[in-house]
Amino acid sequence: MKRYGIFLHSQGRGLYELRHILVLAQQSYPSLRQEMAPAWQIVKHRQPLQEILFRAMFSVAVCWGWKRFATLLLLGMEGIARIGELLKATRADLVLPSDLVGMH
């Protein structure tokens, strides 16, 4: 599976293809979950921006008071949402620790 992921990347294909195959394989063959870990690492460690560029953009956004942009950057890098989902999201879609205070 890892080799297939590397092949997809070398061909300029979407990482979503590897994700879909991994999910299907895991559902069909749950006992192979551990063997799929290296392939999942390819999916997890492929970042849309270089770390230094992300940090610079995030810092500037925070300094300039661009809270929504800074949040989108952070969720795009560290979250699992797609960019389209992030752009359509509202504050009601985001759950912060302060939202949970008093809930049991």
Protein backbone atom coordinates (compact mmCIF):
# COMPACT_ATOMS: atom_id res chain seq x y z
CA MET A 1 0.00 0.00 0.00
CA LYS A 2 2.80 2.41 0.83
CA ARG A 3 4.38 1.83 -2.57
CA TYR A 4 1.04 2.53 -4.23
CA GLY A 5 0.84 5.83 -2.32
CA ILE A 6 4.32 6.79 -3.46
CA PHE A 7 3.37 5.86 -7.02
CA LEU A 8 0.23 8.04 -6.87
CA HIS A 9 2.29 10.97 -5.59
CA SER A 10 4.91 10.53 -8.33
CA GLN A 11 2.16 10.61 -10.95
CA GLY A 12 0.69 13.83 -9.51
CA ARG A 13 -2.51 12.04 -8.54
CA GLY A 14 -4.72 13.00 -5.62
CA LEU A 15 -3.97 11.76 -2.15
CA TYR A 16 -7.69 11.15 -1.71
CA GLU A 17 -7.32 8.05 -3.92
CA LEU A 18 -4.96 6.46 -1.39
CA ARG A 19 -7.25 7.47 1.48
CA HIS A 20 -10.26 5.84 -0.17
CA ILE A 21 -8.37 2.61 -0.88
CA LEU A 22 -7.02 2.46 2.68
CA VAL A 23 -10.48 2.96 4.18
CA LEU A 24 -11.97 0.30 1.89
CA ALA A 25 -9.15 -2.14 2.67
CA GLN A 26 -9.49 -1.53 6.42
CA GLN A 27 -13.23 -2.11 6.30
CA SER A 28 -12.85 -5.26 4.20
CA TYR A 29 -9.83 -6.68 6.05
CA PRO A 30 -9.72 -5.31 9.63
CA SER A 31 -6.95 -7.72 10.58
CA LEU A 32 -4.55 -5.90 8.22
CA ARG A 33 -4.90 -2.57 10.01
CA GLN A 34 -1.40 -2.67 11.52
CA GLU A 35 0.19 -3.48 8.16
CA MET A 36 -1.44 -0.37 6.67
CA ALA A 37 0.23 2.00 9.14
CA PRO A 38 3.09 2.97 6.78
CA ALA A 39 0.60 3.88 4.05
CA TRP A 40 -1.43 5.99 6.51
CA GLN A 41 1.79 7.83 7.39
CA ILE A 42 2.00 9.03 3.79
CA VAL A 43 -1.53 10.42 4.05
CA LYS A 44 -0.98 12.01 7.47
CA HIS A 45 2.40 13.62 6.84
CA ARG A 46 1.69 15.26 3.52
CA GLN A 47 1.17 18.91 4.40
CA PRO A 48 -0.34 21.49 2.05
CA LEU A 49 2.29 24.11 3.04
CA GLN A 50 5.86 24.02 4.19
CA GLU A 51 6.00 24.40 7.98
CA ILE A 52 7.99 27.67 7.85
CA LEU A 53 5.51 29.24 5.42
CA PHE A 54 2.57 28.12 7.55
CA ARG A 55 4.12 29.63 10.69
CA ALA A 56 4.84 32.92 8.92
CA MET A 57 1.34 33.17 7.48
CA PHE A 58 -0.26 32.27 10.80
CA SER A 59 1.86 34.81 12.71
CA VAL A 60 1.03 37.61 10.29
CA ALA A 61 -2.68 36.74 10.39
CA VAL A 62 -2.71 36.84 14.20
CA CYS A 63 -0.74 40.10 14.34
CA TRP A 64 -3.08 41.76 11.85
CA GLY A 65 -6.17 40.53 13.69
CA TRP A 66 -7.33 38.21 10.91
CA LYS A 67 -8.89 35.68 13.28
CA ARG A 68 -10.89 33.75 10.66
CA PHE A 69 -7.91 33.41 8.31
CA ALA A 70 -5.62 32.32 11.16
CA THR A 71 -8.22 29.76 12.24
CA LEU A 72 -8.61 28.42 8.70
CA LEU A 73 -4.83 28.07 8.37
CA LEU A 74 -4.60 26.22 11.66
CA LEU A 75 -7.49 23.88 10.89
CA GLY A 76 -6.21 23.30 7.36
CA MET A 77 -2.79 22.25 8.63
CA GLU A 78 -3.72 20.40 11.80
CA GLY A 79 -7.32 19.36 11.21
CA ILE A 80 -8.92 16.79 8.97
CA ALA A 81 -11.36 19.04 7.16
CA ARG A 82 -11.12 19.79 3.47
CA ILE A 83 -10.58 23.39 2.42
CA GLY A 84 -14.11 23.63 0.98
CA GLU A 85 -15.56 22.50 4.30
CA LEU A 86 -13.48 25.07 6.14
CA LEU A 87 -14.54 27.92 3.88
CA LYS A 88 -18.23 27.08 4.31
CA ALA A 89 -17.96 26.64 8.08
CA THR A 90 -19.46 29.07 10.56
CA ARG A 91 -18.66 29.66 14.23
CA ALA A 92 -21.45 27.22 15.10
CA ASP A 93 -19.41 24.44 13.44
CA LEU A 94 -16.43 25.00 15.75
CA VAL A 95 -16.50 23.61 19.28
CA LEU A 96 -14.04 25.23 21.68
CA PRO A 97 -13.30 24.21 25.27
CA SER A 98 -15.15 27.33 26.46
CA ASP A 99 -18.27 26.02 24.69
CA LEU A 100 -18.20 22.92 26.88
CA VAL A 101 -17.87 24.63 30.25
CA GLY A 102 -20.79 23.62 32.44
CA MET A 103 -21.82 20.71 30.19
CA HIS A 104 -21.78 17.26 31.77
